[in-house]
């Protein structure tokens, strides 16, 4: 696999493997799902495109929100979560077998005509005034609180998830369970300063305890855990001088990275009270930060139109990917840990008494797309670049 060699003046700069041209507005959110066979992209006008990664074509297009998309996610292989600035969080159902029934007409060609929408399972009124996207995790049985009640609920609502969104009152986060749509918790994450907005969230279980990380407009991050039926603040960190723009969690939940409107990137160890490790990148406004599922690298999308790749171990800059002419707002990695060659679609010609595996060109193409170390970046220019690196 070719790796970008951009430090040497003797080699040309790395180029994206593909460019997906479909949006007429800025691309604000990206998310791989269905074992990397699909990529979701959402733009500033509320459009969502589901791309088939094997063919690099749209598989479904619809207008999910009446305003900008803040975040995209998936709940299993059939449910898509979208969060818009129209103060709505929606859960859509789109089965693989139903994809052919949806429009593939791209917004760049027609951003007025409404397309067929997937089945809407949930639509929740949420706060979206501060540009903070939702965070989610699968619900687990916790050691604390009413264990029997939690166990009974899990038995009746298998596959439930928890969603964290900023509350209407500044400095508070609401935690909602789906599919019940019940608000389970309201967490105060900042009480030191009035009027400080929450800019980014991460939400996860560690040691069977629920953890919530909030990135604030003040440049601080705050970590809370749910312990003995109450939310407790473990620590607050003041790493940035400007608002936090993004939080990236390591796959083992041992630490998290932050980027902000300033030029700092911070690494925070969750179980340590030591000061965060920081690097001065000299590049302000690294809007989106995400860690790859193998925990080896993380990437940022910058206002200066650059996508930067860093080592999670050393925080050393490994590559600068330059293709977009306008600012980049979102970045996403394919799930390396989720790749499983054994799940490739294969058939055996038993009628001929042969063990030869018969595979179609389409199947081979899909397998290759799933196993590629994709890095996707969305830009103000409405394009999504796909990079095959490391």
Protein backbone atom coordinates (compact mmCIF):
# COMPACT_ATOMS: atom_id res chain seq x y z
CA UNK A 1 0.00 0.00 0.00
CA UNK A 2 1.37 3.34 -1.03
CA UNK A 3 1.84 5.74 1.82
CA UNK A 4 1.87 9.51 1.36
CA UNK A 5 5.41 10.82 1.06
CA UNK A 6 5.01 14.55 1.34
CA UNK A 7 8.13 15.47 3.25
CA UNK A 8 10.38 14.80 0.29
CA UNK A 9 10.74 17.41 -2.44
CA UNK A 10 11.54 14.66 -4.99
CA UNK A 11 8.09 13.09 -4.83
CA UNK A 12 4.76 14.62 -5.87
CA UNK A 13 2.21 15.24 -3.11
CA UNK A 14 -0.19 12.45 -2.27
CA UNK A 15 -3.48 12.46 -4.15
CA UNK A 16 -6.86 11.11 -3.01
CA UNK A 17 -7.79 7.70 -4.33
CA UNK A 18 -11.26 9.02 -5.19
CA UNK A 19 -13.26 12.21 -4.93
CA UNK A 20 -17.01 11.98 -4.29
CA UNK A 21 -18.81 14.93 -5.87
CA UNK A 22 -22.42 15.19 -4.78
CA UNK A 23 -23.06 18.01 -2.34
CA UNK A 24 -23.87 21.60 -3.29
CA UNK A 25 -23.02 22.84 0.21
CA UNK A 26 -20.29 22.38 2.82
CA UNK A 27 -19.84 18.81 4.06
CA UNK A 28 -20.14 18.92 7.86
CA UNK A 29 -20.35 15.23 8.85
CA UNK A 30 -19.03 11.85 7.70
CA UNK A 31 -19.55 8.31 9.00
CA UNK A 32 -18.61 4.83 7.73
CA UNK A 33 -21.00 1.97 8.47
CA UNK A 34 -22.10 -1.50 7.31
CA UNK A 35 -18.55 -2.76 7.80
CA UNK A 36 -17.16 0.08 5.66
CA UNK A 37 -19.30 -0.74 2.64
CA UNK A 38 -21.19 2.55 2.99
CA UNK A 39 -20.19 6.12 3.79
CA UNK A 40 -22.66 8.73 5.03
CA UNK A 41 -22.04 12.40 4.28
CA UNK A 42 -24.15 15.31 5.51
CA UNK A 43 -24.04 18.93 4.39
CA UNK A 44 -24.92 22.47 5.48
CA UNK A 45 -28.33 22.32 3.78
CA UNK A 46 -29.49 19.16 5.56
CA UNK A 47 -28.85 16.64 2.77
CA UNK A 48 -27.53 13.15 3.50
CA UNK A 49 -25.88 10.99 0.86
CA UNK A 50 -25.21 7.32 1.47
CA UNK A 51 -22.31 6.31 -0.78
CA UNK A 52 -21.58 2.80 -1.96
CA UNK A 53 -17.83 2.57 -1.34
CA UNK A 54 -17.33 -0.26 -3.85
CA UNK A 55 -18.85 1.65 -6.79
CA UNK A 56 -18.14 5.19 -5.48
CA UNK A 57 -21.72 6.09 -6.38
CA UNK A 58 -24.68 7.25 -4.32
CA UNK A 59 -26.88 4.45 -2.98
CA UNK A 60 -29.49 6.75 -1.40
CA UNK A 61 -30.03 10.52 -1.16
CA UNK A 62 -32.53 12.39 0.99
CA UNK A 63 -32.98 15.65 2.87
CA UNK A 64 -32.81 14.64 6.52
CA UNK A 65 -33.04 18.12 8.07
CA UNK A 66 -34.13 21.64 7.19
CA UNK A 67 -30.80 23.04 8.36
CA UNK A 68 -27.15 21.98 8.56
CA UNK A 69 -26.20 18.45 9.58
CA UNK A 70 -24.16 18.48 12.81
CA UNK A 71 -23.48 14.77 13.17
CA UNK A 72 -24.14 11.34 11.67
CA UNK A 73 -23.99 7.87 13.21
CA UNK A 74 -25.31 4.35 12.86
CA UNK A 75 -27.19 1.98 15.16
CA UNK A 76 -26.55 -1.48 13.79
CA UNK A 77 -26.63 -2.06 10.03
CA UNK A 78 -30.08 -0.66 9.30
CA UNK A 79 -30.52 2.47 11.45
CA UNK A 80 -28.92 5.83 10.74
CA UNK A 81 -28.82 8.69 13.24
CA UNK A 82 -28.72 12.29 12.06
CA UNK A 83 -28.49 15.46 14.16
CA UNK A 84 -29.38 18.78 12.56
CA UNK A 85 -29.32 22.45 13.41
CA UNK A 86 -33.11 22.39 13.09
CA UNK A 87 -33.07 21.15 16.70
CA UNK A 88 -33.93 17.58 15.79
CA UNK A 89 -32.22 14.23 16.25
CA UNK A 90 -33.65 11.58 13.95
CA UNK A 91 -33.27 7.82 13.60
CA UNK A 92 -33.89 6.44 10.11
CA UNK A 93 -34.29 2.84 8.99
CA UNK A 94 -32.86 1.88 5.62
CA UNK A 95 -32.51 -1.82 4.86
CA UNK A 96 -29.91 -2.98 2.39
CA UNK A 97 -32.56 -4.69 0.26
CA UNK A 98 -34.51 -1.42 0.05
CA UNK A 99 -31.64 0.72 -1.22
CA UNK A 100 -32.70 0.37 -4.84
CA UNK A 101 -36.01 2.11 -4.07
CA UNK A 102 -34.34 5.39 -3.05
CA UNK A 103 -33.32 8.31 -5.22
CA UNK A 104 -29.69 8.68 -6.22
CA UNK A 105 -30.16 12.17 -7.61
CA UNK A 106 -27.40 14.28 -6.10
CA UNK A 107 -28.02 17.67 -4.43
CA UNK A 108 -25.31 19.24 -6.59
CA UNK A 109 -27.63 18.66 -9.56
CA UNK A 110 -30.92 19.46 -7.84
CA UNK A 111 -31.06 20.71 -4.26
CA UNK A 112 -34.75 21.68 -4.38
CA UNK A 113 -36.71 18.53 -5.18
CA UNK A 114 -37.47 16.34 -2.19
CA UNK A 115 -36.40 12.70 -2.43
CA UNK A 116 -38.00 9.64 -0.85
CA UNK A 117 -36.99 9.43 2.81
CA UNK A 118 -36.11 6.28 4.77
CA UNK A 119 -38.56 5.14 7.42
CA UNK A 120 -38.41 7.58 10.34
CA UNK A 121 -38.24 5.59 13.59
CA UNK A 122 -37.56 8.44 16.04
CA UNK A 123 -37.51 12.22 15.94
CA UNK A 124 -36.42 13.95 19.14
CA UNK A 125 -36.39 17.69 19.87
CA UNK A 126 -32.85 18.55 21.00
CA UNK A 127 -30.72 21.64 21.41
CA UNK A 128 -28.51 22.49 18.44
CA UNK A 129 -27.77 26.16 19.01
CA UNK A 130 -24.10 25.59 19.85
CA UNK A 131 -23.04 23.45 16.87
CA UNK A 132 -22.32 20.47 19.16
CA UNK A 133 -23.07 17.07 17.59
CA UNK A 134 -24.57 14.20 19.59
CA UNK A 135 -22.53 11.39 21.12
CA UNK A 136 -23.75 7.81 21.59
CA UNK A 137 -22.85 4.43 23.04
CA UNK A 138 -24.53 1.05 23.43
CA UNK A 139 -26.29 0.67 26.75
CA UNK A 140 -24.71 -1.74 29.23
CA UNK A 141 -25.68 -3.05 32.62
CA UNK A 142 -23.87 -0.95 35.23
CA UNK A 143 -22.61 -1.97 38.65
CA UNK A 144 -24.22 1.03 40.27
CA UNK A 145 -27.79 2.07 40.83
CA UNK A 146 -30.80 -0.23 40.64
CA UNK A 147 -29.21 -3.25 38.99
CA UNK A 148 -32.40 -5.28 38.67
CA UNK A 149 -34.22 -2.40 37.01
CA UNK A 150 -31.37 -1.96 34.51
CA UNK A 151 -31.25 -5.71 33.83
CA UNK A 152 -35.01 -5.90 33.26
CA UNK A 153 -34.88 -2.97 30.87
CA UNK A 154 -32.04 -4.55 28.89
CA UNK A 155 -34.00 -7.77 28.58
CA UNK A 156 -37.01 -5.98 27.12
CA UNK A 157 -35.07 -3.49 24.97
CA UNK A 158 -32.23 -5.50 23.51
CA UNK A 159 -29.77 -3.39 21.55
CA UNK A 160 -30.69 -0.13 23.24
CA UNK A 161 -28.37 2.87 23.03
CA UNK A 162 -27.72 6.03 25.00
CA UNK A 163 -27.46 9.40 23.29
CA UNK A 164 -25.89 12.52 24.81
CA UNK A 165 -26.87 15.99 23.57
CA UNK A 166 -26.39 19.50 24.99
CA UNK A 167 -29.29 20.65 27.14
CA UNK A 168 -31.20 23.86 26.66
CA UNK A 169 -29.55 25.25 29.78
CA UNK A 170 -25.90 26.04 29.06
CA UNK A 171 -23.42 23.78 30.83
CA UNK A 172 -25.83 20.80 30.97
CA UNK A 173 -26.00 17.57 28.96
CA UNK A 174 -29.11 15.43 28.50
CA UNK A 175 -28.74 11.65 28.21
CA UNK A 176 -31.57 9.90 26.38
CA UNK A 177 -32.21 6.19 25.94
CA UNK A 178 -33.38 4.75 22.65
CA UNK A 179 -35.70 3.21 21.65
CA UNK A 180 -37.70 4.29 24.72
CA UNK A 181 -36.90 8.02 24.10
CA UNK A 182 -36.68 8.38 27.90
CA UNK A 183 -34.39 11.05 29.30
CA UNK A 184 -32.38 9.22 31.95
CA UNK A 185 -29.97 11.91 33.15
CA UNK A 186 -29.30 15.63 33.08
CA UNK A 187 -25.62 16.23 33.82
CA UNK A 188 -24.09 19.54 34.84
CA UNK A 189 -20.66 19.54 33.23
CA UNK A 190 -19.66 23.12 33.91
CA UNK A 191 -20.55 25.29 36.89
CA UNK A 192 -17.44 27.48 37.01
CA UNK A 193 -18.44 29.94 34.33
CA UNK A 194 -21.85 31.18 33.28
CA UNK A 195 -22.80 31.20 29.64
CA UNK A 196 -20.14 28.69 28.52
CA UNK A 197 -21.43 26.50 25.72
CA UNK A 198 -20.68 22.81 25.19
CA UNK A 199 -18.88 22.36 21.85
CA UNK A 200 -18.07 18.63 21.68
CA UNK A 201 -19.03 15.39 23.46
CA UNK A 202 -17.69 11.86 23.94
CA UNK A 203 -19.72 9.20 25.70
CA UNK A 204 -18.62 5.68 26.65
CA UNK A 205 -18.47 2.87 29.21
CA UNK A 206 -15.20 2.05 30.99
CA UNK A 207 -14.96 -0.50 33.80
CA UNK A 208 -18.73 -0.86 33.54
CA UNK A 209 -19.19 2.80 34.47
CA UNK A 210 -20.62 5.46 32.21
CA UNK A 211 -18.21 8.29 31.32
CA UNK A 212 -18.98 11.64 29.74
CA UNK A 213 -16.37 14.02 28.28
CA UNK A 214 -17.41 17.55 27.36
CA UNK A 215 -15.39 20.07 25.37
CA UNK A 216 -16.30 23.64 26.27
CA UNK A 217 -16.28 27.03 24.62
CA UNK A 218 -13.77 28.18 27.26
CA UNK A 219 -11.16 25.73 25.93
CA UNK A 220 -11.58 23.35 28.87
CA UNK A 221 -12.64 19.72 28.91
CA UNK A 222 -14.61 18.11 31.73
CA UNK A 223 -14.84 14.39 32.59
CA UNK A 224 -17.78 13.01 34.59
CA UNK A 225 -18.60 9.44 35.64
CA UNK A 226 -21.87 7.94 36.87
CA UNK A 227 -21.07 6.52 40.31
CA UNK A 228 -23.48 5.38 43.04
CA UNK A 229 -26.51 6.81 41.22
CA UNK A 230 -24.84 10.24 40.91
CA UNK A 231 -22.65 12.02 38.39
CA UNK A 232 -19.23 12.90 39.75
CA UNK A 233 -16.61 15.15 38.17
CA UNK A 234 -13.24 13.37 37.90
CA UNK A 235 -11.26 16.29 36.51
CA UNK A 236 -11.31 19.40 34.36
CA UNK A 237 -8.48 20.29 32.04
CA UNK A 238 -7.65 23.73 30.65
CA UNK A 239 -5.51 22.86 27.64
CA UNK A 240 -6.77 25.29 25.01
CA UNK A 241 -7.02 29.07 24.89
CA UNK A 242 -9.84 28.95 22.34
CA UNK A 243 -13.06 26.88 22.10
CA UNK A 244 -12.77 23.12 21.82
CA UNK A 245 -13.85 21.99 18.35
CA UNK A 246 -13.50 18.21 18.54
CA UNK A 247 -12.81 15.25 20.85
CA UNK A 248 -11.30 11.97 19.70
CA UNK A 249 -11.41 8.91 21.97
CA UNK A 250 -8.87 6.07 21.89
CA UNK A 251 -10.50 2.67 21.12
CA UNK A 252 -9.62 1.31 24.58
CA UNK A 253 -10.95 4.49 26.23
CA UNK A 254 -7.59 5.04 27.93
CA UNK A 255 -7.18 8.61 26.70
CA UNK A 256 -8.67 11.23 24.42
CA UNK A 257 -7.40 13.93 22.08
CA UNK A 258 -8.68 17.48 21.69
CA UNK A 259 -8.43 20.09 18.97
CA UNK A 260 -9.69 23.65 19.06
CA UNK A 261 -9.92 26.99 17.34
CA UNK A 262 -6.34 27.56 18.49
CA UNK A 263 -3.35 25.61 17.16
CA UNK A 264 -3.03 23.19 20.09
CA UNK A 265 -3.71 19.46 20.12
CA UNK A 266 -3.96 17.88 23.55
CA UNK A 267 -3.81 14.29 24.78
CA UNK A 268 -5.54 13.54 28.09
CA UNK A 269 -5.08 10.26 30.01
CA UNK A 270 -8.40 9.37 31.59
CA UNK A 271 -7.19 7.51 34.68
CA UNK A 272 -4.40 9.96 35.44
CA UNK A 273 -4.60 13.38 37.03
CA UNK A 274 -1.35 14.43 35.36
CA UNK A 275 -1.27 17.43 33.07
CA UNK A 276 -2.33 16.83 29.49
CA UNK A 277 0.37 16.38 26.85
CA UNK A 278 0.15 19.06 24.18
CA UNK A 279 1.72 19.90 20.86
CA UNK A 280 1.84 23.27 19.13
CA UNK A 281 0.86 22.59 15.52
CA UNK A 282 1.01 26.24 14.36
CA UNK A 283 -2.22 25.56 12.43
CA UNK A 284 -5.32 27.14 13.94
CA UNK A 285 -8.79 25.67 13.55
CA UNK A 286 -8.46 21.90 13.27
CA UNK A 287 -12.21 21.47 13.13
CA UNK A 288 -12.66 17.71 13.31
CA UNK A 289 -10.49 15.11 15.04
CA UNK A 290 -10.98 11.34 14.91
CA UNK A 291 -8.92 8.34 16.04
CA UNK A 292 -8.70 5.24 13.85
CA UNK A 293 -10.18 2.05 15.29
CA UNK A 294 -6.77 0.37 15.69
CA UNK A 295 -5.59 3.27 17.86
CA UNK A 296 -2.40 3.90 15.87
CA UNK A 297 -3.16 7.22 14.20
CA UNK A 298 -5.57 10.13 14.37
CA UNK A 299 -6.50 12.72 11.79
CA UNK A 300 -7.75 16.30 11.77
CA UNK A 301 -9.64 18.41 9.25
CA UNK A 302 -8.39 21.99 9.15
CA UNK A 303 -9.76 25.37 8.21
CA UNK A 304 -6.66 25.78 6.04
CA UNK A 305 -7.99 22.97 3.75
CA UNK A 306 -5.41 20.45 5.01
CA UNK A 307 -6.02 16.99 6.44
CA UNK A 308 -3.28 16.12 8.93
CA UNK A 309 -2.42 12.64 10.19
CA UNK A 310 -0.67 12.13 13.54
CA UNK A 311 0.73 9.24 15.54
CA UNK A 312 -1.29 8.58 18.69
CA UNK A 313 1.87 7.36 20.43
CA UNK A 314 4.20 10.27 19.76
CA UNK A 315 1.69 12.88 18.51
CA UNK A 316 4.16 13.45 15.67
CA UNK A 317 2.73 14.72 12.41
CA UNK A 318 2.99 11.89 9.87
CA UNK A 319 1.33 13.37 6.80
CA UNK A 320 -0.34 16.48 5.44
CA UNK A 321 -2.89 15.72 2.73
CA UNK A 322 -3.42 18.65 0.38
CA UNK A 323 -6.10 18.51 -2.28
CA UNK A 324 -9.09 20.62 -1.27
CA UNK A 325 -8.93 24.34 -2.10
CA UNK A 326 -11.28 25.36 0.71
CA UNK A 327 -11.51 24.59 4.43
CA UNK A 328 -12.12 21.04 5.63
CA UNK A 329 -14.81 20.52 8.26
CA UNK A 330 -15.08 16.76 8.80
CA UNK A 331 -12.95 13.63 8.76
CA UNK A 332 -13.70 9.92 9.30
CA UNK A 333 -11.79 6.63 9.27
CA UNK A 334 -13.00 3.27 8.05
CA UNK A 335 -13.27 0.77 10.88
CA UNK A 336 -10.07 -1.29 10.61
CA UNK A 337 -11.02 -3.51 13.57
CA UNK A 338 -14.38 -4.25 11.97
CA UNK A 339 -12.93 -5.63 8.75
CA UNK A 340 -13.56 -9.34 8.40
CA UNK A 341 -12.50 -11.10 5.23
CA UNK A 342 -14.36 -14.20 6.39
CA UNK A 343 -17.64 -12.34 5.95
CA UNK A 344 -16.98 -11.83 2.25
CA UNK A 345 -19.77 -13.03 0.05
CA UNK A 346 -18.62 -16.38 -1.35
CA UNK A 347 -20.27 -19.40 -2.88
CA UNK A 348 -19.11 -22.94 -3.54
CA UNK A 349 -19.98 -24.85 -6.69
CA UNK A 350 -20.91 -28.09 -4.97
CA UNK A 351 -22.79 -29.35 -8.02
CA UNK A 352 -19.47 -29.84 -9.75
CA UNK A 353 -17.92 -31.52 -6.70
CA UNK A 354 -15.33 -28.78 -6.53
CA UNK A 355 -14.09 -26.74 -3.55
CA UNK A 356 -13.32 -23.84 -5.82
CA UNK A 357 -14.77 -20.59 -4.50
CA UNK A 358 -16.73 -18.76 -7.14
CA UNK A 359 -16.62 -15.03 -6.69
CA UNK A 360 -18.07 -12.39 -8.90
CA UNK A 361 -16.34 -9.20 -9.91
CA UNK A 362 -18.82 -7.30 -7.75
CA UNK A 363 -18.00 -9.38 -4.70
CA UNK A 364 -14.26 -8.90 -5.14
CA UNK A 365 -14.76 -5.16 -5.55
CA UNK A 366 -16.85 -4.98 -2.38
CA UNK A 367 -14.30 -6.98 -0.40
CA UNK A 368 -11.47 -4.71 -1.53
CA UNK A 369 -13.44 -1.61 -0.57
CA UNK A 370 -14.16 -3.03 2.89
CA UNK A 371 -10.53 -3.89 3.56
CA UNK A 372 -9.04 -0.56 2.48
CA UNK A 373 -7.71 1.80 5.15
CA UNK A 374 -9.96 4.63 4.05
CA UNK A 375 -9.70 8.14 5.39
CA UNK A 376 -12.57 10.38 4.26
CA UNK A 377 -12.51 14.18 4.43
CA UNK A 378 -15.35 16.62 3.78
CA UNK A 379 -14.81 20.21 2.71
CA UNK A 380 -16.45 23.58 2.27
CA UNK A 381 -16.25 22.89 -1.48
CA UNK A 382 -18.93 20.19 -1.14
CA UNK A 383 -16.58 17.37 -2.09
CA UNK A 384 -15.53 14.30 -0.11
CA UNK A 385 -12.00 13.01 -0.70
CA UNK A 386 -11.11 9.37 -0.03
CA UNK A 387 -7.51 8.57 0.90
CA UNK A 388 -5.91 5.14 1.17
CA UNK A 389 -3.11 5.53 3.75
CA UNK A 390 -1.16 3.51 6.32
